Amino acid sequence: MELPIFRSEQGRGIFGYISAAILANYLNVYLSTITKLSVTQSSFLSIYIIGNLIVYSSDILFAKKTFYIDRYKGVANYVGDVPYTDFSTRGYWLLTSFYKKYFFRFLVTVVIDTVIGLTLLKFTIKKLDDLEILMKWKYRNYVVAAIVSAFTYFLYLSTLRFKWAYQHEENPIMNILVMIWVSLALLVSASMNPILLSTNNTPKWRNLYE
């Protein structure tokens, strides 16, 4: 029997997130092992870039319920539910969404989550190092990265995407609030990365995610 939580868009989105999280975190360990990337850098690529793209595709194909479609079953400017079994319509909508506002707003949520997530990750790792907690466990930082990603997803990211990014109706107030959120996130990130304010000759991009 299907639990009530999984009948909603956000509830169904959890399945896609779990699948993406498993793949992204495995890729995180792999990248960090075969390259010279730090855990923060590999997390940026695997969790916040590749993982988010997987989640976006999963959300559209298996979780999103209501769509705006130019023409659907003979109805022009259709706004309504699309059956979860109608993969052709969902797949076409997904492909065409990459140049529409839905994907742009999704990218805005990625920026917010990346800035906040990586800042929390760096802060947590530093505190664990300062307290010398699990220093010899080689998977410690990967587990921290996974926990931080899950924390931000369930705290705000899922709601932000399904209630704003994927919606056809415009919400000017929400648009302004999200832009303010982005600005504040970038400001906090800049203040916590002194390299952004440095005046020496060190290339600034090198240490952003170290």
N, C-alpha and C. Protein backbone atom coordinates (compact mmCIF):
# COMPACT_ATOMS: atom_id res chain seq x y z
N MET A 1 0.85 -1.20 0.00
CA MET A 1 0.00 0.00 0.00
C MET A 1 0.88 1.24 0.00
N GLU A 2 0.55 2.21 -0.84
CA GLU A 2 1.35 3.43 -0.96
C GLU A 2 1.10 4.35 0.22
N LEU A 3 2.16 4.82 0.85
CA LEU A 3 2.04 5.74 1.97
C LEU A 3 1.55 7.10 1.47
N PRO A 4 0.76 7.84 2.28
CA PRO A 4 0.23 9.14 1.85
C PRO A 4 1.31 10.11 1.42
N ILE A 5 2.47 10.08 2.09
CA ILE A 5 3.53 11.04 1.77
C ILE A 5 4.01 10.91 0.34
N PHE A 6 3.95 9.69 -0.22
CA PHE A 6 4.44 9.45 -1.57
C PHE A 6 3.39 9.74 -2.65
N ARG A 7 2.23 10.24 -2.24
CA ARG A 7 1.22 10.63 -3.21
C ARG A 7 1.41 12.07 -3.67
N SER A 8 2.18 12.83 -2.94
CA SER A 8 2.45 14.22 -3.31
C SER A 8 3.67 14.30 -4.21
N GLU A 9 3.84 15.44 -4.88
CA GLU A 9 4.98 15.62 -5.75
C GLU A 9 6.28 15.51 -4.97
N GLN A 10 6.36 16.22 -3.85
CA GLN A 10 7.59 16.20 -3.06
C GLN A 10 7.85 14.82 -2.48
N GLY A 11 6.80 14.13 -2.12
CA GLY A 11 6.97 12.78 -1.60
C GLY A 11 7.52 11.84 -2.65
N ARG A 12 6.99 11.91 -3.87
CA ARG A 12 7.49 11.08 -4.95
C ARG A 12 8.90 11.49 -5.34
N GLY A 13 9.22 12.78 -5.17
CA GLY A 13 10.55 13.26 -5.49
C GLY A 13 11.64 12.66 -4.62
N ILE A 14 11.25 12.16 -3.45
CA ILE A 14 12.22 11.55 -2.54
C ILE A 14 12.88 10.34 -3.18
N PHE A 15 12.11 9.56 -3.95
CA PHE A 15 12.67 8.39 -4.61
C PHE A 15 13.80 8.78 -5.56
N GLY A 16 13.54 9.83 -6.36
CA GLY A 16 14.56 10.29 -7.28
C GLY A 16 15.78 10.83 -6.56
N TYR A 17 15.53 11.53 -5.46
CA TYR A 17 16.65 12.08 -4.70
C TYR A 17 17.53 10.97 -4.13
N ILE A 18 16.91 9.93 -3.57
CA ILE A 18 17.69 8.83 -2.99
C ILE A 18 18.54 8.16 -4.06
N SER A 19 17.95 7.90 -5.23
CA SER A 19 18.71 7.28 -6.31
C SER A 19 19.87 8.16 -6.76
N ALA A 20 19.59 9.46 -6.91
CA ALA A 20 20.64 10.39 -7.33
C ALA A 20 21.72 10.51 -6.26
N ALA A 21 21.30 10.49 -5.00
CA ALA A 21 22.27 10.61 -3.90
C ALA A 21 23.23 9.42 -3.87
N ILE A 22 22.70 8.22 -4.11
CA ILE A 22 23.56 7.03 -4.12
C ILE A 22 24.58 7.13 -5.24
N LEU A 23 24.13 7.49 -6.45
CA LEU A 23 25.03 7.61 -7.59
C LEU A 23 26.04 8.74 -7.40
N ALA A 24 25.56 9.89 -6.93
CA ALA A 24 26.43 11.05 -6.77
C ALA A 24 27.49 10.83 -5.70
N ASN A 25 27.11 10.21 -4.60
CA ASN A 25 28.07 9.99 -3.53
C ASN A 25 29.09 8.90 -3.89
N TYR A 26 28.66 7.92 -4.65
CA TYR A 26 29.62 6.93 -5.16
C TYR A 26 30.61 7.61 -6.09
N LEU A 27 30.09 8.47 -6.97
CA LEU A 27 30.95 9.21 -7.90
C LEU A 27 31.89 10.15 -7.14
N ASN A 28 31.40 10.70 -6.04
CA ASN A 28 32.23 11.58 -5.22
C ASN A 28 33.47 10.86 -4.70
N VAL A 29 33.27 9.67 -4.17
CA VAL A 29 34.40 8.87 -3.67
C VAL A 29 35.32 8.50 -4.82
N TYR A 30 34.74 8.12 -5.95
CA TYR A 30 35.54 7.70 -7.11
C TYR A 30 36.41 8.85 -7.63
N LEU A 31 35.80 10.02 -7.80
CA LEU A 31 36.54 11.17 -8.31
C LEU A 31 37.67 11.57 -7.37
N SER A 32 37.37 11.58 -6.09
CA SER A 32 38.38 11.98 -5.12
C SER A 32 39.52 10.97 -5.04
N THR A 33 39.21 9.72 -5.39
CA THR A 33 40.23 8.66 -5.33
C THR A 33 41.16 8.69 -6.54
N ILE A 34 40.60 8.90 -7.73
CA ILE A 34 41.41 8.82 -8.94
C ILE A 34 41.98 10.16 -9.39
N THR A 35 41.56 11.25 -8.74
CA THR A 35 42.07 12.58 -9.09
C THR A 35 42.71 13.22 -7.87
N LYS A 36 43.22 14.42 -8.06
CA LYS A 36 43.80 15.18 -6.96
C LYS A 36 42.82 16.19 -6.39
N LEU A 37 41.54 16.02 -6.72
CA LEU A 37 40.52 16.93 -6.22
C LEU A 37 40.32 16.73 -4.72
N SER A 38 40.06 17.83 -4.02
CA SER A 38 39.70 17.72 -2.61
C SER A 38 38.26 17.22 -2.51
N VAL A 39 37.84 16.82 -1.32
CA VAL A 39 36.47 16.34 -1.14
C VAL A 39 35.46 17.42 -1.49
N THR A 40 35.77 18.66 -1.16
CA THR A 40 34.87 19.76 -1.48
C THR A 40 34.74 19.94 -2.99
N GLN A 41 35.85 19.84 -3.70
CA GLN A 41 35.82 20.00 -5.15
C GLN A 41 35.09 18.84 -5.83
N SER A 42 35.36 17.62 -5.38
CA SER A 42 34.69 16.47 -5.97
C SER A 42 33.20 16.47 -5.63
N SER A 43 32.85 16.98 -4.45
CA SER A 43 31.44 17.10 -4.07
C SER A 43 30.73 18.10 -4.96
N PHE A 44 31.42 19.18 -5.29
CA PHE A 44 30.85 20.20 -6.18
C PHE A 44 30.47 19.57 -7.53
N LEU A 45 31.36 18.76 -8.08
CA LEU A 45 31.11 18.15 -9.38
C LEU A 45 30.07 17.03 -9.31
N SER A 46 30.23 16.14 -8.36
CA SER A 46 29.39 14.94 -8.32
C SER A 46 28.02 15.19 -7.72
N ILE A 47 27.98 15.86 -6.56
CA ILE A 47 26.71 16.06 -5.86
C ILE A 47 25.94 17.25 -6.40
N TYR A 48 26.62 18.38 -6.51
CA TYR A 48 25.90 19.63 -6.82
C TYR A 48 25.72 19.89 -8.31
N ILE A 49 26.48 19.23 -9.17
CA ILE A 49 26.27 19.39 -10.60
C ILE A 49 25.58 18.14 -11.18
N ILE A 50 26.29 17.02 -11.18
CA ILE A 50 25.73 15.80 -11.77
C ILE A 50 24.51 15.31 -11.00
N GLY A 51 24.61 15.28 -9.68
CA GLY A 51 23.50 14.82 -8.85
C GLY A 51 22.24 15.64 -9.06
N ASN A 52 22.39 16.97 -9.13
CA ASN A 52 21.23 17.83 -9.31
C ASN A 52 20.58 17.64 -10.67
N LEU A 53 21.37 17.40 -11.70
CA LEU A 53 20.80 17.15 -13.02
C LEU A 53 20.00 15.84 -13.05
N ILE A 54 20.50 14.85 -12.32
CA ILE A 54 19.75 13.59 -12.21
C ILE A 54 18.44 13.81 -11.48
N VAL A 55 18.50 14.58 -10.40
CA VAL A 55 17.29 14.87 -9.61
C VAL A 55 16.27 15.63 -10.46
N TYR A 56 16.74 16.60 -11.23
CA TYR A 56 15.82 17.38 -12.08
C TYR A 56 15.08 16.46 -13.06
N SER A 57 15.82 15.60 -13.73
CA SER A 57 15.19 14.68 -14.68
C SER A 57 14.21 13.76 -13.99
N SER A 58 14.58 13.27 -12.83
CA SER A 58 13.70 12.37 -12.09
C SER A 58 12.44 13.09 -11.61
N ASP A 59 12.61 14.32 -11.17
CA ASP A 59 11.45 15.10 -10.71
C ASP A 59 10.42 15.27 -11.82
N ILE A 60 10.89 15.57 -13.02
CA ILE A 60 9.96 15.79 -14.14
C ILE A 60 9.33 14.48 -14.60
N LEU A 61 10.12 13.44 -14.70
CA LEU A 61 9.62 12.18 -15.23
C LEU A 61 8.72 11.42 -14.26
N PHE A 62 9.02 11.50 -12.98
CA PHE A 62 8.34 10.63 -12.02
C PHE A 62 7.62 11.33 -10.88
N ALA A 63 7.86 12.64 -10.66
CA ALA A 63 7.30 13.28 -9.48
C ALA A 63 6.34 14.43 -9.80
N LYS A 64 6.71 15.32 -10.72
CA LYS A 64 5.88 16.47 -11.04
C LYS A 64 4.51 16.01 -11.53
N LYS A 65 3.47 16.67 -11.06
CA LYS A 65 2.11 16.24 -11.37
C LYS A 65 1.43 17.13 -12.41
N THR A 66 1.51 18.43 -12.22
CA THR A 66 0.80 19.38 -13.07
C THR A 66 1.75 20.05 -14.05
N PHE A 67 1.33 20.14 -15.31
CA PHE A 67 2.16 20.69 -16.36
C PHE A 67 1.39 21.75 -17.15
N TYR A 68 2.17 22.67 -17.75
CA TYR A 68 1.62 23.55 -18.78
C TYR A 68 2.16 23.04 -20.12
N ILE A 69 1.26 22.73 -21.05
CA ILE A 69 1.64 22.19 -22.35
C ILE A 69 0.88 22.97 -23.43
N ASP A 70 1.60 23.36 -24.48
CA ASP A 70 0.98 24.14 -25.55
C ASP A 70 -0.26 23.45 -26.11
N ARG A 71 -0.16 22.15 -26.33
CA ARG A 71 -1.31 21.37 -26.79
C ARG A 71 -1.19 19.96 -26.27
N TYR A 72 -2.24 19.49 -25.58
CA TYR A 72 -2.22 18.15 -25.00
C TYR A 72 -3.58 17.52 -25.18
N LYS A 73 -3.62 16.42 -25.91
CA LYS A 73 -4.87 15.69 -26.18
C LYS A 73 -5.93 16.61 -26.78
N GLY A 74 -5.50 17.45 -27.71
CA GLY A 74 -6.44 18.32 -28.41
C GLY A 74 -6.78 19.61 -27.70
N VAL A 75 -6.23 19.81 -26.52
CA VAL A 75 -6.52 21.01 -25.74
C VAL A 75 -5.34 21.97 -25.84
N ALA A 76 -5.61 23.20 -26.30
CA ALA A 76 -4.55 24.20 -26.42
C ALA A 76 -4.29 24.85 -25.06
N ASN A 77 -3.01 25.19 -24.82
CA ASN A 77 -2.61 25.83 -23.55
C ASN A 77 -3.13 25.04 -22.35
N TYR A 78 -2.87 23.76 -22.40
CA TYR A 78 -3.34 22.85 -21.35
C TYR A 78 -2.57 23.07 -20.05
N VAL A 79 -3.30 23.20 -18.96
CA VAL A 79 -2.70 23.26 -17.62
C VAL A 79 -3.42 22.23 -16.76
N GLY A 80 -2.71 21.19 -16.40
CA GLY A 80 -3.35 20.14 -15.60
C GLY A 80 -2.43 18.96 -15.38
N ASP A 81 -3.01 17.90 -14.88
CA ASP A 81 -2.23 16.71 -14.55
C ASP A 81 -1.89 15.91 -15.80
N VAL A 82 -0.72 15.29 -15.77
CA VAL A 82 -0.29 14.35 -16.80
C VAL A 82 -0.04 13.01 -16.11
N PRO A 83 -0.66 11.95 -16.57
CA PRO A 83 -0.48 10.65 -15.91
C PRO A 83 0.99 10.27 -15.78
N TYR A 84 1.33 9.63 -14.68
CA TYR A 84 2.72 9.23 -14.46
C TYR A 84 3.16 8.16 -15.45
N THR A 85 2.19 7.54 -16.11
CA THR A 85 2.53 6.51 -17.10
C THR A 85 2.78 7.12 -18.49
N ASP A 86 2.47 8.40 -18.65
CA ASP A 86 2.64 9.05 -19.95
C ASP A 86 4.08 9.57 -20.08
N PHE A 87 5.02 8.65 -20.26
CA PHE A 87 6.44 9.01 -20.29
C PHE A 87 6.82 9.79 -21.55
N SER A 88 6.10 9.58 -22.64
CA SER A 88 6.44 10.31 -23.86
C SER A 88 6.19 11.81 -23.68
N THR A 89 5.06 12.15 -23.10
CA THR A 89 4.75 13.56 -22.86
C THR A 89 5.70 14.15 -21.84
N ARG A 90 5.95 13.42 -20.78
CA ARG A 90 6.85 13.90 -19.74
C ARG A 90 8.28 14.04 -20.27
N GLY A 91 8.70 13.08 -21.08
CA GLY A 91 10.05 13.14 -21.64
C GLY A 91 10.21 14.31 -22.58
N TYR A 92 9.19 14.56 -23.41
CA TYR A 92 9.25 15.70 -24.33
C TYR A 92 9.27 17.00 -23.56
N TRP A 93 8.46 17.10 -22.53
CA TRP A 93 8.43 18.31 -21.70
C TRP A 93 9.79 18.53 -21.05
N LEU A 94 10.40 17.45 -20.59
CA LEU A 94 11.73 17.55 -19.97
C LEU A 94 12.75 18.10 -20.96
N LEU A 95 12.77 17.56 -22.17
CA LEU A 95 13.75 17.99 -23.17
C LEU A 95 13.56 19.45 -23.56
N THR A 96 12.31 19.86 -23.72
CA THR A 96 12.05 21.25 -24.13
C THR A 96 12.19 22.22 -22.97
N SER A 97 12.22 21.72 -21.74
CA SER A 97 12.30 22.62 -20.58
C SER A 97 13.69 23.21 -20.40
N PHE A 98 14.70 22.63 -21.06
CA PHE A 98 16.07 23.10 -20.86
C PHE A 98 16.31 24.51 -21.39
N TYR A 99 15.41 25.01 -22.22
CA TYR A 99 15.56 26.39 -22.68
C TYR A 99 14.38 27.26 -22.20
N LYS A 100 13.69 26.81 -21.19
CA LYS A 100 12.56 27.56 -20.65
C LYS A 100 12.83 27.98 -19.20
N LYS A 101 11.90 28.73 -18.66
CA LYS A 101 12.08 29.31 -17.33
C LYS A 101 12.22 28.26 -16.23
N TYR A 102 11.63 27.09 -16.43
CA TYR A 102 11.66 26.07 -15.39
C TYR A 102 13.10 25.65 -15.09
N PHE A 103 13.86 25.42 -16.14
CA PHE A 103 15.24 24.98 -15.94
C PHE A 103 16.10 26.12 -15.42
N PHE A 104 15.83 27.33 -15.88
CA PHE A 104 16.58 28.49 -15.38
C PHE A 104 16.37 28.64 -13.87
N ARG A 105 15.11 28.53 -13.45
CA ARG A 105 14.82 28.65 -12.01
C ARG A 105 15.41 27.48 -11.24
N PHE A 106 15.41 26.31 -11.87
CA PHE A 106 16.08 25.17 -11.24
C PHE A 106 17.56 25.47 -11.03
N LEU A 107 18.21 26.08 -12.02
CA LEU A 107 19.63 26.44 -11.89
C LEU A 107 19.84 27.43 -10.75
N VAL A 108 18.87 28.31 -10.55
CA VAL A 108 18.97 29.26 -9.42
C VAL A 108 18.98 28.50 -8.10
N THR A 109 18.13 27.47 -8.00
CA THR A 109 18.13 26.66 -6.77
C THR A 109 19.43 25.90 -6.61
N VAL A 110 20.05 25.51 -7.74
CA VAL A 110 21.34 24.83 -7.67
C VAL A 110 22.40 25.76 -7.11
N VAL A 111 22.38 27.02 -7.57
CA VAL A 111 23.35 28.01 -7.06
C VAL A 111 23.17 28.19 -5.56
N ILE A 112 21.93 28.36 -5.13
CA ILE A 112 21.67 28.53 -3.70
C ILE A 112 22.18 27.34 -2.90
N ASP A 113 21.81 26.14 -3.37
CA ASP A 113 22.18 24.95 -2.62
C ASP A 113 23.68 24.70 -2.65
N THR A 114 24.33 24.99 -3.78
CA THR A 114 25.77 24.78 -3.88
C THR A 114 26.53 25.70 -2.93
N VAL A 115 26.16 26.98 -2.92
CA VAL A 115 26.83 27.94 -2.06
C VAL A 115 26.64 27.58 -0.58
N ILE A 116 25.40 27.32 -0.20
CA ILE A 116 25.12 26.98 1.19
C ILE A 116 25.72 25.62 1.56
N GLY A 117 25.54 24.63 0.68
CA GLY A 117 26.01 23.28 0.97
C GLY A 117 27.52 23.20 1.11
N LEU A 118 28.25 23.82 0.18
CA LEU A 118 29.71 23.77 0.25
C LEU A 118 30.25 24.57 1.42
N THR A 119 29.57 25.66 1.76
CA THR A 119 29.99 26.44 2.94
C THR A 119 29.81 25.62 4.22
N LEU A 120 28.66 24.93 4.32
CA LEU A 120 28.43 24.07 5.48
C LEU A 120 29.43 22.91 5.51
N LEU A 121 29.72 22.35 4.34
CA LEU A 121 30.64 21.23 4.26
C LEU A 121 32.04 21.64 4.74
N LYS A 122 32.54 22.76 4.23
CA LYS A 122 33.87 23.23 4.63
C LYS A 122 33.91 23.54 6.12
N PHE A 123 32.85 24.17 6.62
CA PHE A 123 32.79 24.53 8.04
C PHE A 123 32.78 23.28 8.91
N THR A 124 31.96 22.28 8.53
CA THR A 124 31.85 21.06 9.32
C THR A 124 33.16 20.27 9.33
N ILE A 125 33.79 20.14 8.18
CA ILE A 125 35.06 19.42 8.10
C ILE A 125 36.12 20.10 8.96
N LYS A 126 36.16 21.42 8.91
CA LYS A 126 37.14 22.16 9.71
C LYS A 126 36.91 21.94 11.20
N LYS A 127 35.64 21.96 11.61
CA LYS A 127 35.34 21.75 13.03
C LYS A 127 35.71 20.33 13.47
N LEU A 128 35.44 19.36 12.61
CA LEU A 128 35.81 17.98 12.94
C LEU A 128 37.33 17.83 13.04
N ASP A 129 38.04 18.51 12.14
CA ASP A 129 39.51 18.49 12.20
C ASP A 129 40.02 19.16 13.48
N ASP A 130 39.43 20.29 13.83
CA ASP A 130 39.86 21.01 15.03
C ASP A 130 39.65 20.16 16.29
N LEU A 131 38.54 19.40 16.29
CA LEU A 131 38.23 18.56 17.44
C LEU A 131 38.85 17.16 17.33
N GLU A 132 39.53 16.91 16.21
CA GLU A 132 40.18 15.63 15.93
C GLU A 132 39.21 14.45 16.03
N ILE A 133 38.07 14.61 15.39
CA ILE A 133 37.03 13.57 15.40
C ILE A 133 37.15 12.70 14.14
N LEU A 134 37.26 11.39 14.33
CA LEU A 134 37.33 10.41 13.24
C LEU A 134 38.40 10.78 12.21
N MET A 135 39.54 11.22 12.68
CA MET A 135 40.60 11.66 11.79
C MET A 135 41.15 10.53 10.91
N LYS A 136 41.11 9.31 11.39
CA LYS A 136 41.69 8.19 10.66
C LYS A 136 40.69 7.47 9.76
N TRP A 137 39.43 7.85 9.82
CA TRP A 137 38.42 7.20 8.98
C TRP A 137 38.41 7.87 7.61
N LYS A 138 38.82 7.16 6.58
CA LYS A 138 39.00 7.77 5.26
C LYS A 138 37.70 8.19 4.60
N TYR A 139 36.58 7.65 5.05
CA TYR A 139 35.30 8.01 4.45
C TYR A 139 34.56 9.11 5.22
N ARG A 140 35.18 9.65 6.24
CA ARG A 140 34.50 10.63 7.09
C ARG A 140 33.96 11.81 6.30
N ASN A 141 34.80 12.43 5.49
CA ASN A 141 34.39 13.64 4.78
C ASN A 141 33.34 13.36 3.71
N TYR A 142 33.37 12.15 3.14
CA TYR A 142 32.35 11.79 2.15
C TYR A 142 30.98 11.65 2.82
N VAL A 143 30.98 11.05 4.02
CA VAL A 143 29.74 10.91 4.77
C VAL A 143 29.20 12.29 5.17
N VAL A 144 30.10 13.17 5.57
CA VAL A 144 29.69 14.53 5.92
C VAL A 144 29.06 15.22 4.71
N ALA A 145 29.67 15.04 3.54
CA ALA A 145 29.13 15.65 2.31
C ALA A 145 27.73 15.12 2.01
N ALA A 146 27.52 13.82 2.20
CA ALA A 146 26.21 13.23 1.96
C ALA A 146 25.18 13.74 2.95
N ILE A 147 25.57 13.87 4.21
CA ILE A 147 24.65 14.35 5.24
C ILE A 147 24.27 15.81 5.00
N VAL A 148 25.25 16.63 4.65
CA VAL A 148 24.96 18.05 4.37
C VAL A 148 24.01 18.18 3.19
N SER A 149 24.25 17.41 2.13
CA SER A 149 23.38 17.45 0.96
C SER A 149 21.96 17.04 1.30
N ALA A 150 21.80 15.98 2.08
CA ALA A 150 20.47 15.52 2.48
C ALA A 150 19.79 16.55 3.38
N PHE A 151 20.56 17.16 4.27
CA PHE A 151 20.01 18.16 5.19
C PHE A 151 19.41 19.35 4.43
N THR A 152 20.15 19.89 3.48
CA THR A 152 19.64 21.05 2.74
C THR A 152 18.49 20.67 1.82
N TYR A 153 18.52 19.44 1.28
CA TYR A 153 17.43 19.00 0.40
C TYR A 153 16.11 18.96 1.15
N PHE A 154 16.11 18.32 2.31
CA PHE A 154 14.86 18.18 3.05
C PHE A 154 14.49 19.46 3.81
N LEU A 155 15.47 20.31 4.09
CA LEU A 155 15.19 21.55 4.81
C LEU A 155 14.46 22.56 3.92
N TYR A 156 14.94 22.75 2.69
CA TYR A 156 14.32 23.78 1.84
C TYR A 156 14.32 23.46 0.35
N LEU A 157 15.26 22.65 -0.13
CA LEU A 157 15.46 22.52 -1.57
C LEU A 157 14.28 21.87 -2.28
N SER A 158 13.74 20.80 -1.72
CA SER A 158 12.61 20.12 -2.35
C SER A 158 11.41 21.05 -2.46
N THR A 159 11.11 21.76 -1.39
CA THR A 159 9.97 22.69 -1.39
C THR A 159 10.19 23.82 -2.38
N LEU A 160 11.40 24.37 -2.40
CA LEU A 160 11.72 25.47 -3.30
C LEU A 160 11.54 25.08 -4.76
N ARG A 161 11.89 23.86 -5.10
CA ARG A 161 11.78 23.42 -6.48
C ARG A 161 10.34 23.14 -6.89
N PHE A 162 9.63 22.36 -6.09
CA PHE A 162 8.28 21.99 -6.47
C PHE A 162 7.27 23.12 -6.30
N LYS A 163 7.52 24.02 -5.36
CA LYS A 163 6.59 25.11 -5.11
C LYS A 163 6.95 26.40 -5.85
N TRP A 164 8.14 26.44 -6.47
CA TRP A 164 8.54 27.65 -7.19
C TRP A 164 9.14 27.32 -8.56
N ALA A 165 10.26 26.62 -8.58
CA ALA A 165 10.99 26.43 -9.84
C ALA A 165 10.17 25.71 -10.91
N TYR A 166 9.41 24.70 -10.53
CA TYR A 166 8.69 23.89 -11.51
C TYR A 166 7.29 24.42 -11.81
N GLN A 167 6.89 25.51 -11.19
CA GLN A 167 5.53 26.02 -11.34
C GLN A 167 5.40 26.89 -12.59
N HIS A 168 4.27 26.77 -13.28
CA HIS A 168 4.01 27.60 -14.46
C HIS A 168 3.57 29.01 -14.06
N GLU A 169 2.76 29.10 -13.01
CA GLU A 169 2.26 30.40 -12.59
C GLU A 169 3.41 31.24 -12.02
N GLU A 170 3.41 32.52 -12.40
CA GLU A 170 4.43 33.42 -11.90
C GLU A 170 4.05 33.93 -10.51
N ASN A 171 5.05 34.02 -9.65
CA ASN A 171 4.85 34.54 -8.29
C ASN A 171 5.90 35.62 -8.07
N PRO A 172 5.58 36.89 -8.40
CA PRO A 172 6.57 37.97 -8.32
C PRO A 172 7.23 38.11 -6.95
N ILE A 173 6.45 37.93 -5.90
CA ILE A 173 7.00 38.06 -4.55
C ILE A 173 8.03 36.96 -4.30
N MET A 174 7.69 35.74 -4.71
CA MET A 174 8.61 34.63 -4.53
C MET A 174 9.86 34.82 -5.38
N ASN A 175 9.70 35.36 -6.58
CA ASN A 175 10.86 35.64 -7.43
C ASN A 175 11.83 36.60 -6.75
N ILE A 176 11.29 37.65 -6.15
CA ILE A 176 12.13 38.63 -5.47
C ILE A 176 12.82 38.01 -4.26
N LEU A 177 12.06 37.23 -3.48
CA LEU A 177 12.64 36.60 -2.30
C LEU A 177 13.78 35.64 -2.66
N VAL A 178 13.61 34.90 -3.74
CA VAL A 178 14.65 33.96 -4.14
C VAL A 178 15.90 34.71 -4.60
N MET A 179 15.71 35.80 -5.34
CA MET A 179 16.86 36.58 -5.78
C MET A 179 17.62 37.19 -4.58
N ILE A 180 16.86 37.62 -3.58
CA ILE A 180 17.50 38.12 -2.36
C ILE A 180 18.26 36.99 -1.67
N TRP A 181 17.66 35.82 -1.67
CA TRP A 181 18.28 34.63 -1.07
C TRP A 181 19.61 34.32 -1.76
N VAL A 182 19.60 34.37 -3.09
CA VAL A 182 20.83 34.12 -3.85
C VAL A 182 21.90 35.14 -3.49
N SER A 183 21.52 36.41 -3.43
CA SER A 183 22.47 37.48 -3.11
C SER A 183 23.08 37.29 -1.73
N LEU A 184 22.23 36.95 -0.76
CA LEU A 184 22.72 36.74 0.61
C LEU A 184 23.64 35.52 0.68
N ALA A 185 23.27 34.47 -0.03
CA ALA A 185 24.10 33.25 -0.02
C ALA A 185 25.47 33.53 -0.61
N LEU A 186 25.50 34.27 -1.72
CA LEU A 186 26.79 34.61 -2.34
C LEU A 186 27.60 35.53 -1.44
N LEU A 187 26.94 36.44 -0.75
CA LEU A 187 27.64 37.36 0.15
C LEU A 187 28.26 36.61 1.31
N VAL A 188 27.51 35.69 1.90
CA VAL A 188 28.03 34.90 3.01
C VAL A 188 29.19 34.03 2.55
N SER A 189 29.04 33.42 1.37
CA SER A 189 30.11 32.59 0.84
C SER A 189 31.38 33.40 0.62
N ALA A 190 31.23 34.62 0.07
CA ALA A 190 32.38 35.47 -0.18
C ALA A 190 33.07 35.86 1.11
N SER A 191 32.28 36.13 2.14
CA SER A 191 32.86 36.54 3.42
C SER A 191 33.60 35.40 4.10
N MET A 192 33.23 34.15 3.76
CA MET A 192 33.87 32.99 4.37
C MET A 192 35.00 32.45 3.52
N ASN A 193 35.27 33.08 2.37
CA ASN A 193 36.39 32.69 1.51
C ASN A 193 37.29 33.90 1.32
N PRO A 194 38.23 34.11 2.23
CA PRO A 194 39.11 35.27 2.15
C PRO A 194 39.84 35.39 0.81
N ILE A 195 39.98 34.27 0.10
CA ILE A 195 40.71 34.30 -1.17
C ILE A 195 40.04 35.23 -2.16
N LEU A 196 38.69 35.41 -2.01
CA LEU A 196 37.96 36.29 -2.91
C LEU A 196 38.37 37.74 -2.73
N LEU A 197 38.86 38.07 -1.53
CA LEU A 197 39.20 39.44 -1.23
C LEU A 197 40.69 39.68 -1.25
N SER A 198 41.48 38.66 -1.59
CA SER A 198 42.92 38.78 -1.56
C SER A 198 43.42 39.64 -2.70
N THR A 199 44.62 40.20 -2.51
CA THR A 199 45.20 41.07 -3.53
C THR A 199 46.51 40.52 -4.06
N ASN A 200 46.88 39.31 -3.61
CA ASN A 200 48.14 38.76 -4.10
C ASN A 200 47.96 38.17 -5.49
N ASN A 201 48.99 37.51 -5.99
CA ASN A 201 48.95 37.02 -7.36
C ASN A 201 48.43 35.60 -7.49
N THR A 202 47.96 35.01 -6.39
CA THR A 202 47.45 33.65 -6.45
C THR A 202 46.16 33.62 -7.26
N PRO A 203 46.03 32.74 -8.24
CA PRO A 203 44.78 32.65 -9.01
C PRO A 203 43.60 32.43 -8.09
N LYS A 204 42.60 33.28 -8.14
CA LYS A 204 41.49 33.24 -7.18
C LYS A 204 40.65 31.99 -7.30
N TRP A 205 40.52 31.48 -8.52
CA TRP A 205 39.61 30.35 -8.71
C TRP A 205 40.14 29.07 -8.10
N ARG A 206 41.41 28.99 -7.84
CA ARG A 206 42.01 27.73 -7.40
C ARG A 206 41.55 27.31 -6.02
N ASN A 207 41.32 28.28 -5.13
CA ASN A 207 41.03 27.95 -3.74
C ASN A 207 39.58 28.08 -3.36
N LEU A 208 38.72 28.40 -4.31
CA LEU A 208 37.32 28.62 -3.97
C LEU A 208 36.69 27.42 -3.31
N TYR A 209 36.99 26.21 -3.82
CA TYR A 209 36.35 25.03 -3.29
C TYR A 209 37.35 24.04 -2.72
N GLU A 210 38.48 24.54 -2.24
CA GLU A 210 39.47 23.66 -1.63
C GLU A 210 39.16 23.50 -0.14
